[in-house]
N, C-alpha and C. Protein backbone atom coordinates (compact mmCIF):
# COMPACT_ATOMS: atom_id res chain seq x y z
N MET A 1 -1.86 -5.93 -11.15
CA MET A 1 -1.01 -5.01 -10.86
C MET A 1 0.18 -5.07 -12.12
N GLN A 2 0.31 -3.50 -12.21
CA GLN A 2 1.39 -3.09 -13.31
C GLN A 2 2.55 -2.10 -12.96
N ALA A 3 3.58 -2.44 -13.16
CA ALA A 3 4.60 -1.37 -12.73
C ALA A 3 4.54 -0.29 -13.63
N ARG A 4 4.71 1.00 -13.02
CA ARG A 4 4.42 2.24 -13.98
C ARG A 4 5.80 3.05 -13.62
N GLN A 5 6.15 3.64 -14.37
CA GLN A 5 7.36 4.53 -13.98
C GLN A 5 6.91 5.87 -13.40
N ASN A 6 5.47 6.38 -13.72
CA ASN A 6 5.19 7.48 -13.30
C ASN A 6 3.73 7.34 -12.93
N VAL A 7 3.04 8.07 -12.20
CA VAL A 7 1.41 8.15 -11.97
C VAL A 7 1.15 9.35 -11.07
N ASP A 8 -0.24 9.52 -11.71
CA ASP A 8 -0.78 10.56 -11.13
C ASP A 8 -1.33 10.24 -9.73
N ALA A 9 -1.31 11.12 -8.41
CA ALA A 9 -1.63 11.06 -7.33
C ALA A 9 -2.86 11.98 -7.22
N VAL A 10 -4.24 11.58 -6.96
CA VAL A 10 -5.44 12.53 -6.95
C VAL A 10 -5.82 12.54 -5.48
N ALA A 11 -5.79 13.85 -5.02
CA ALA A 11 -6.73 13.77 -3.58
C ALA A 11 -7.97 13.41 -3.42
N LYS A 12 -7.93 12.60 -2.60
CA LYS A 12 -9.31 11.77 -2.10
C LYS A 12 -9.65 10.86 -3.05
N ARG A 13 -8.90 10.38 -4.04
CA ARG A 13 -9.23 9.52 -4.90
C ARG A 13 -8.25 8.34 -5.17
N GLY A 14 -6.95 8.63 -5.13
CA GLY A 14 -5.87 7.55 -5.22
C GLY A 14 -5.07 7.83 -6.42
N LEU A 15 -4.60 6.84 -6.92
CA LEU A 15 -3.60 6.71 -8.06
C LEU A 15 -4.49 6.76 -9.33
N ARG A 16 -4.28 7.30 -10.19
CA ARG A 16 -5.15 7.37 -11.39
C ARG A 16 -4.83 5.97 -12.24
N GLY A 17 -5.68 5.19 -12.71
CA GLY A 17 -5.56 3.82 -13.01
C GLY A 17 -5.84 2.63 -12.20
N ASP A 18 -5.52 2.93 -11.01
CA ASP A 18 -5.90 1.95 -10.13
C ASP A 18 -7.03 1.27 -10.00
N ARG A 19 -7.13 0.25 -9.65
CA ARG A 19 -8.78 -0.40 -9.66
C ARG A 19 -9.31 0.27 -8.78
N TYR A 20 -9.04 0.95 -7.49
CA TYR A 20 -9.58 1.66 -6.56
C TYR A 20 -9.99 3.00 -7.04
N PHE A 21 -9.35 3.36 -7.69
CA PHE A 21 -9.76 4.74 -8.36
C PHE A 21 -10.70 4.63 -9.20
N GLU A 22 -10.95 3.69 -10.05
CA GLU A 22 -11.99 3.26 -10.96
C GLU A 22 -12.87 2.57 -10.33
N GLU A 23 -12.98 2.44 -8.90
CA GLU A 23 -14.23 1.81 -8.13
C GLU A 23 -14.27 0.26 -8.90
N ARG A 24 -13.28 -0.29 -9.01
CA ARG A 24 -13.23 -1.86 -9.82
C ARG A 24 -12.57 -2.75 -8.29
N GLY A 25 -12.22 -2.16 -7.51
CA GLY A 25 -11.30 -2.99 -6.35
C GLY A 25 -12.23 -3.99 -5.47
N LEU A 26 -11.61 -4.92 -5.19
CA LEU A 26 -12.21 -6.05 -4.17
C LEU A 26 -13.14 -5.19 -3.13
N TRP A 27 -12.44 -4.29 -2.38
CA TRP A 27 -13.19 -3.66 -0.97
C TRP A 27 -14.24 -2.73 -1.56
N ASN A 28 -14.29 -2.22 -2.92
CA ASN A 28 -15.39 -1.22 -3.20
C ASN A 28 -16.71 -2.34 -2.83
N PHE A 29 -16.47 -3.61 -3.59
CA PHE A 29 -17.83 -4.60 -3.73
C PHE A 29 -18.26 -4.92 -2.14
N LEU A 30 -16.98 -5.16 -1.24
CA LEU A 30 -17.32 -5.60 0.16
C LEU A 30 -17.95 -4.46 0.66
N ASP A 31 -17.67 -3.10 0.56
CA ASP A 31 -18.22 -1.80 1.32
C ASP A 31 -19.64 -1.92 1.15
N GLU A 32 -20.22 -2.66 -0.03
CA GLU A 32 -21.63 -2.49 -0.25
C GLU A 32 -22.37 -3.37 0.74
N ASP A 33 -21.79 -4.34 1.72
CA ASP A 33 -22.25 -5.19 2.31
C ASP A 33 -22.68 -4.50 3.47
N PRO A 34 -23.84 -4.26 3.93
CA PRO A 34 -24.18 -3.38 5.19
C PRO A 34 -23.74 -4.22 6.51
N ASP A 35 -23.64 -5.51 6.43
CA ASP A 35 -23.20 -6.01 7.78
C ASP A 35 -21.85 -6.11 8.19
N ARG A 36 -20.90 -5.89 7.10
CA ARG A 36 -19.63 -5.62 7.24
C ARG A 36 -18.93 -4.55 8.01
N GLU A 37 -18.32 -4.74 8.88
CA GLU A 37 -17.57 -3.42 9.64
C GLU A 37 -16.63 -3.05 8.51
N VAL A 38 -16.41 -1.91 8.31
CA VAL A 38 -15.72 -1.07 7.33
C VAL A 38 -14.61 -0.75 7.83
N GLN A 39 -13.09 -0.85 7.34
CA GLN A 39 -12.34 -0.23 7.88
C GLN A 39 -12.14 0.97 7.26
N GLU A 40 -11.32 2.08 7.69
CA GLU A 40 -11.10 3.61 7.05
C GLU A 40 -10.44 3.20 5.69
N ALA A 41 -11.09 3.73 4.86
CA ALA A 41 -10.47 3.79 3.43
C ALA A 41 -9.30 4.53 3.23
N SER A 42 -8.43 3.83 2.57
CA SER A 42 -7.20 4.56 1.86
C SER A 42 -7.25 4.96 0.39
N ASP A 43 -6.57 6.00 0.04
CA ASP A 43 -6.15 6.27 -1.54
C ASP A 43 -5.20 5.26 -1.82
N ILE A 44 -3.94 5.08 -1.19
CA ILE A 44 -2.86 4.59 -1.38
C ILE A 44 -2.36 3.90 -0.54
N THR A 45 -1.52 2.75 -0.85
CA THR A 45 -0.74 1.79 -0.06
C THR A 45 0.73 1.97 -0.45
N PHE A 46 1.46 1.80 0.48
CA PHE A 46 3.07 1.65 0.57
C PHE A 46 3.52 0.39 1.46
N ILE A 47 4.79 -0.14 0.74
CA ILE A 47 5.36 -1.20 1.62
C ILE A 47 6.91 -1.05 1.16
N GLU A 48 7.44 -1.39 2.44
CA GLU A 48 9.11 -1.32 2.33
C GLU A 48 9.46 -2.21 1.60
N ALA A 49 10.53 -2.06 0.69
CA ALA A 49 11.56 -2.94 0.01
C ALA A 49 12.13 -3.95 1.26
N GLU A 50 12.60 -3.09 1.95
CA GLU A 50 13.06 -3.95 3.38
C GLU A 50 12.24 -4.97 3.92
N ALA A 51 11.28 -4.77 3.96
CA ALA A 51 10.06 -5.87 4.61
C ALA A 51 9.82 -6.97 3.66
N LEU A 52 9.95 -6.73 2.57
CA LEU A 52 10.18 -8.02 1.46
C LEU A 52 11.47 -8.89 1.61
N VAL A 53 12.45 -7.98 1.56
CA VAL A 53 13.68 -8.75 1.93
C VAL A 53 13.72 -9.75 3.35
N ALA A 54 13.07 -8.96 4.18
CA ALA A 54 13.08 -9.61 5.65
C ALA A 54 12.15 -10.70 5.53
N VAL A 55 10.98 -10.77 5.06
CA VAL A 55 10.25 -11.88 4.77
C VAL A 55 10.93 -13.30 4.17
N GLU A 56 11.59 -12.69 3.11
CA GLU A 56 12.17 -13.88 2.52
C GLU A 56 13.35 -14.41 3.34
N ARG A 57 13.97 -13.32 4.08
CA ARG A 57 15.19 -13.82 5.07
C ARG A 57 14.78 -14.67 6.21
N ASP A 58 13.60 -13.97 6.78
CA ASP A 58 13.17 -14.78 7.93
C ASP A 58 12.34 -15.95 8.03
N ALA A 59 11.38 -15.88 6.77
CA ALA A 59 10.34 -16.86 6.72
C ALA A 59 10.52 -17.73 5.36
N GLY A 60 11.43 -17.48 4.67
CA GLY A 60 11.73 -18.22 3.48
C GLY A 60 10.55 -18.14 2.38
N ILE A 61 9.99 -16.90 2.59
CA ILE A 61 8.93 -16.58 1.49
C ILE A 61 9.14 -15.40 0.63
N GLU A 62 9.19 -15.69 -0.61
CA GLU A 62 9.40 -14.79 -1.70
C GLU A 62 8.15 -14.33 -2.27
N ILE A 63 8.02 -13.05 -2.16
CA ILE A 63 6.80 -12.30 -2.77
C ILE A 63 7.10 -11.90 -3.86
N PRO A 64 6.38 -12.41 -4.93
CA PRO A 64 6.65 -12.01 -6.45
C PRO A 64 6.34 -10.59 -6.49
N THR A 65 6.81 -9.90 -7.70
CA THR A 65 6.80 -8.52 -7.60
C THR A 65 5.32 -8.21 -8.01
N GLY A 66 4.71 -7.27 -7.22
CA GLY A 66 3.27 -6.99 -7.21
C GLY A 66 2.20 -7.86 -6.49
N ALA A 67 2.73 -8.85 -5.87
CA ALA A 67 1.80 -9.86 -5.34
C ALA A 67 1.56 -9.54 -4.06
N HIS A 68 2.27 -8.33 -3.38
CA HIS A 68 1.75 -7.83 -2.07
C HIS A 68 0.72 -6.65 -2.02
N ARG A 69 0.45 -6.24 -3.40
CA ARG A 69 -0.66 -5.77 -3.51
C ARG A 69 -0.97 -4.11 -2.95
N ARG A 70 0.36 -3.74 -2.68
CA ARG A 70 0.49 -2.38 -2.43
C ARG A 70 0.79 -1.40 -3.70
N ASN A 71 0.84 -0.39 -3.68
CA ASN A 71 0.79 0.68 -4.89
C ASN A 71 1.83 1.03 -4.88
N VAL A 72 2.92 1.22 -3.92
CA VAL A 72 4.22 1.89 -4.03
C VAL A 72 5.02 1.21 -3.02
N THR A 73 6.07 0.57 -3.58
CA THR A 73 7.14 0.28 -2.91
C THR A 73 8.04 1.11 -2.74
N THR A 74 8.58 1.27 -1.25
CA THR A 74 9.96 2.37 -0.73
C THR A 74 10.94 1.77 -0.57
N GLN A 75 12.24 2.45 -0.33
CA GLN A 75 13.22 2.30 0.30
C GLN A 75 13.88 3.11 1.21
N ASN A 76 14.31 2.84 2.39
CA ASN A 76 15.01 3.76 3.40
C ASN A 76 14.01 4.34 4.06
N VAL A 77 12.61 4.14 4.02
CA VAL A 77 11.63 4.86 4.67
C VAL A 77 10.88 4.15 5.57
N PRO A 78 10.90 4.37 6.92
CA PRO A 78 10.10 3.75 8.08
C PRO A 78 8.90 3.88 8.01
N LEU A 79 8.25 3.32 7.12
CA LEU A 79 6.58 3.61 7.14
C LEU A 79 5.90 3.38 8.20
N ASN A 80 6.06 2.43 9.12
CA ASN A 80 5.46 2.68 10.56
C ASN A 80 5.58 3.92 11.18
N HIS A 81 6.48 4.58 11.04
CA HIS A 81 6.66 5.85 11.63
C HIS A 81 5.68 7.33 11.01
N LEU A 82 5.33 7.07 9.97
CA LEU A 82 4.53 7.88 9.08
C LEU A 82 3.02 7.53 9.41
N VAL A 83 2.44 6.79 10.33
CA VAL A 83 0.94 7.02 10.67
C VAL A 83 0.70 7.98 11.47
N GLY A 84 -0.37 8.61 11.06
CA GLY A 84 -0.70 10.19 11.74
C GLY A 84 0.28 11.25 11.19
N GLN A 85 0.95 11.00 10.19
CA GLN A 85 2.12 12.08 9.64
C GLN A 85 1.81 12.62 8.38
N THR A 86 2.00 13.66 7.96
CA THR A 86 1.88 14.27 6.74
C THR A 86 3.19 14.20 5.98
N PHE A 87 3.49 13.95 4.98
CA PHE A 87 4.76 13.57 4.09
C PHE A 87 4.20 13.76 2.63
N THR A 88 5.51 14.04 1.88
CA THR A 88 5.41 13.91 0.41
C THR A 88 6.08 12.90 -0.12
N VAL A 89 5.60 12.54 -1.37
CA VAL A 89 6.11 11.43 -2.45
C VAL A 89 5.97 12.48 -3.90
N GLY A 90 7.11 12.84 -4.49
CA GLY A 90 7.28 13.68 -5.89
C GLY A 90 6.38 14.90 -5.41
N ASP A 91 5.58 15.35 -6.11
CA ASP A 91 4.98 16.75 -5.93
C ASP A 91 3.47 16.24 -5.09
N ALA A 92 3.18 14.90 -4.71
CA ALA A 92 1.77 14.76 -3.94
C ALA A 92 1.90 14.47 -2.61
N ILE A 93 1.09 15.31 -1.91
CA ILE A 93 1.17 15.10 -0.37
C ILE A 93 0.24 14.42 0.18
N CYS A 94 0.86 13.45 1.15
CA CYS A 94 -0.11 12.28 1.68
C CYS A 94 -0.16 12.50 3.07
N GLU A 95 -0.87 11.74 3.51
CA GLU A 95 -1.10 11.45 5.51
C GLU A 95 -1.25 10.09 5.65
N GLY A 96 -0.23 9.65 6.40
CA GLY A 96 -0.59 8.46 6.77
C GLY A 96 -1.89 7.84 7.89
N ILE A 97 -2.50 7.04 7.17
CA ILE A 97 -3.77 6.64 8.19
C ILE A 97 -3.65 5.54 9.02
N GLN A 98 -3.15 4.36 8.63
CA GLN A 98 -3.04 3.48 9.49
C GLN A 98 -1.93 2.55 9.04
N LEU A 99 -1.61 1.44 9.76
CA LEU A 99 -0.47 0.43 9.34
C LEU A 99 -1.65 -0.55 8.33
N CYS A 100 -1.05 -0.88 7.21
CA CYS A 100 -1.65 -1.81 6.06
C CYS A 100 -1.33 -3.19 6.42
N GLU A 101 -1.85 -3.82 7.40
CA GLU A 101 -1.65 -4.98 7.98
C GLU A 101 -2.05 -6.05 6.88
N PRO A 102 -1.25 -7.46 6.86
CA PRO A 102 -1.46 -8.19 5.69
C PRO A 102 -2.84 -9.12 6.16
N CYS A 103 -3.23 -9.60 4.53
CA CYS A 103 -4.77 -10.04 4.84
C CYS A 103 -4.51 -11.51 4.14
N GLY A 104 -5.60 -12.13 4.33
CA GLY A 104 -5.74 -13.48 3.86
C GLY A 104 -5.75 -13.41 1.97
N TYR A 105 -6.61 -12.42 1.71
CA TYR A 105 -6.38 -12.41 0.09
C TYR A 105 -5.07 -12.29 -0.42
N MET A 106 -4.25 -11.62 -0.17
CA MET A 106 -2.72 -11.49 -0.49
C MET A 106 -2.09 -12.77 -0.18
N GLN A 107 -2.29 -13.25 1.14
CA GLN A 107 -1.61 -14.68 1.48
C GLN A 107 -2.06 -15.68 0.06
N SER A 108 -3.80 -15.83 -0.25
CA SER A 108 -4.11 -16.90 -1.09
C SER A 108 -3.43 -16.41 -2.44
N LEU A 109 -3.16 -15.28 -2.88
CA LEU A 109 -2.48 -14.85 -3.94
C LEU A 109 -1.04 -15.56 -4.38
N VAL A 110 -0.15 -15.53 -2.91
CA VAL A 110 1.02 -15.84 -3.02
C VAL A 110 1.16 -17.42 -2.59
N GLY A 111 0.07 -18.06 -2.07
CA GLY A 111 -0.09 -19.32 -1.89
C GLY A 111 1.07 -19.85 -0.78
N GLU A 112 1.25 -19.11 0.39
CA GLU A 112 2.03 -19.44 1.56
C GLU A 112 1.34 -19.32 2.77
N GLU A 113 0.96 -20.09 3.39
CA GLU A 113 0.10 -20.13 4.70
C GLU A 113 0.98 -19.18 5.70
N GLU A 114 1.94 -18.97 5.89
CA GLU A 114 2.82 -17.79 6.66
C GLU A 114 2.75 -16.47 6.59
N LEU A 115 2.46 -16.20 5.21
CA LEU A 115 2.89 -15.07 4.81
C LEU A 115 2.19 -13.70 5.90
N SER A 116 0.92 -13.85 6.24
CA SER A 116 0.04 -13.02 6.90
C SER A 116 1.02 -12.79 8.24
N LYS A 117 1.43 -14.12 8.79
CA LYS A 117 2.21 -14.08 10.20
C LYS A 117 3.67 -13.25 9.83
N ALA A 118 4.20 -13.69 8.72
CA ALA A 118 5.62 -13.06 8.49
C ALA A 118 5.47 -11.34 8.13
N LEU A 119 4.25 -10.91 7.79
CA LEU A 119 4.02 -9.55 7.71
C LEU A 119 3.39 -8.60 8.67
N VAL A 120 3.21 -9.30 9.56
CA VAL A 120 2.54 -8.53 10.66
C VAL A 120 3.47 -7.42 10.93
N HIS A 121 3.04 -6.06 11.28
CA HIS A 121 3.40 -4.87 11.40
C HIS A 121 4.62 -4.52 10.46
N ARG A 122 4.93 -5.07 9.33
CA ARG A 122 5.61 -4.52 8.43
C ARG A 122 4.94 -4.64 6.93
N GLY A 123 3.71 -4.77 7.12
CA GLY A 123 3.11 -5.12 5.96
C GLY A 123 2.66 -3.74 4.85
N GLY A 124 2.91 -2.50 5.58
CA GLY A 124 3.01 -1.35 4.90
C GLY A 124 2.06 -0.24 5.49
N LEU A 125 1.76 0.74 4.86
CA LEU A 125 1.24 1.72 5.34
C LEU A 125 -0.28 2.37 4.57
N ASP A 126 -1.10 2.32 4.79
CA ASP A 126 -2.20 3.02 4.22
C ASP A 126 -2.41 4.70 4.42
N ALA A 127 -2.49 5.50 3.27
CA ALA A 127 -2.24 6.67 3.22
C ALA A 127 -3.42 7.22 2.52
N ASN A 128 -3.84 8.48 2.52
CA ASN A 128 -4.59 9.37 1.79
C ASN A 128 -3.81 10.35 1.25
N VAL A 129 -4.46 10.57 -0.27
CA VAL A 129 -3.66 11.83 -0.76
C VAL A 129 -4.30 13.13 -0.45
N VAL A 130 -3.65 13.83 0.32
CA VAL A 130 -4.30 15.40 0.44
C VAL A 130 -4.09 16.37 -0.40
N LYS A 131 -2.98 16.43 -1.15
CA LYS A 131 -2.78 17.32 -2.51
C LYS A 131 -1.99 16.56 -3.45
N SER A 132 -3.06 16.51 -4.85
CA SER A 132 -2.74 15.79 -5.91
C SER A 132 -1.44 16.13 -6.45
N GLY A 133 -0.68 15.15 -6.97
CA GLY A 133 0.67 15.73 -7.64
C GLY A 133 1.35 14.26 -8.40
N PRO A 134 2.02 14.65 -9.26
CA PRO A 134 2.77 13.01 -10.04
C PRO A 134 3.88 12.52 -9.00
N ILE A 135 3.87 11.48 -8.95
CA ILE A 135 5.10 10.46 -8.35
C ILE A 135 5.58 9.44 -9.47
N ALA A 136 6.86 9.49 -9.05
CA ALA A 136 7.72 8.96 -10.25
C ALA A 136 8.49 7.83 -9.39
N ILE A 137 8.98 6.87 -10.22
CA ILE A 137 10.00 6.15 -9.46
C ILE A 137 11.16 6.91 -9.28
N ASP A 138 12.00 6.59 -8.09
CA ASP A 138 12.92 7.44 -7.40
C ASP A 138 12.59 8.64 -7.10
N ASP A 139 11.49 9.13 -6.76
CA ASP A 139 11.13 10.02 -6.13
C ASP A 139 11.21 9.97 -4.56
N GLU A 140 11.75 11.14 -4.00
CA GLU A 140 11.95 10.79 -2.55
C GLU A 140 10.88 10.86 -1.56
N VAL A 141 10.73 10.36 -0.48
CA VAL A 141 9.59 10.46 0.40
C VAL A 141 10.31 11.29 1.52
N ARG A 142 9.55 12.60 2.08
CA ARG A 142 9.99 13.56 2.86
C ARG A 142 8.95 13.61 3.79
N TRP A 143 9.16 13.67 5.10
CA TRP A 143 8.44 13.90 6.19
C TRP A 143 8.86 14.92 7.01
């Protein structure tokens, strides 16, 4: 994970430079398994800064920058309310697909047994990019 000041969101692809955009992500390989039940794929993932603070406050678990594995960290945006909604970030238009519930992989990276439990229903949002456009730090999320 690398912090960026700005990035291009590309419709039906995701964020330029992301491992999934380049088809090098973990789920790209798992999707090749015909016996695996495939989740609906998303182009981009979001997490609330407030959720990260709450996990540290409530569970005593500090999640290092980038360890949450989400593409974009928001502030003052109720992401759970954006499931099924169209919204903009910068010049990109996105559609909220489903909650991005925590997974064992993230938990193993952070090394905290209770992380998945602490992030249930506040692990973020899976979204698709509907219209391409640049996204930058401090861009407003509008819906």
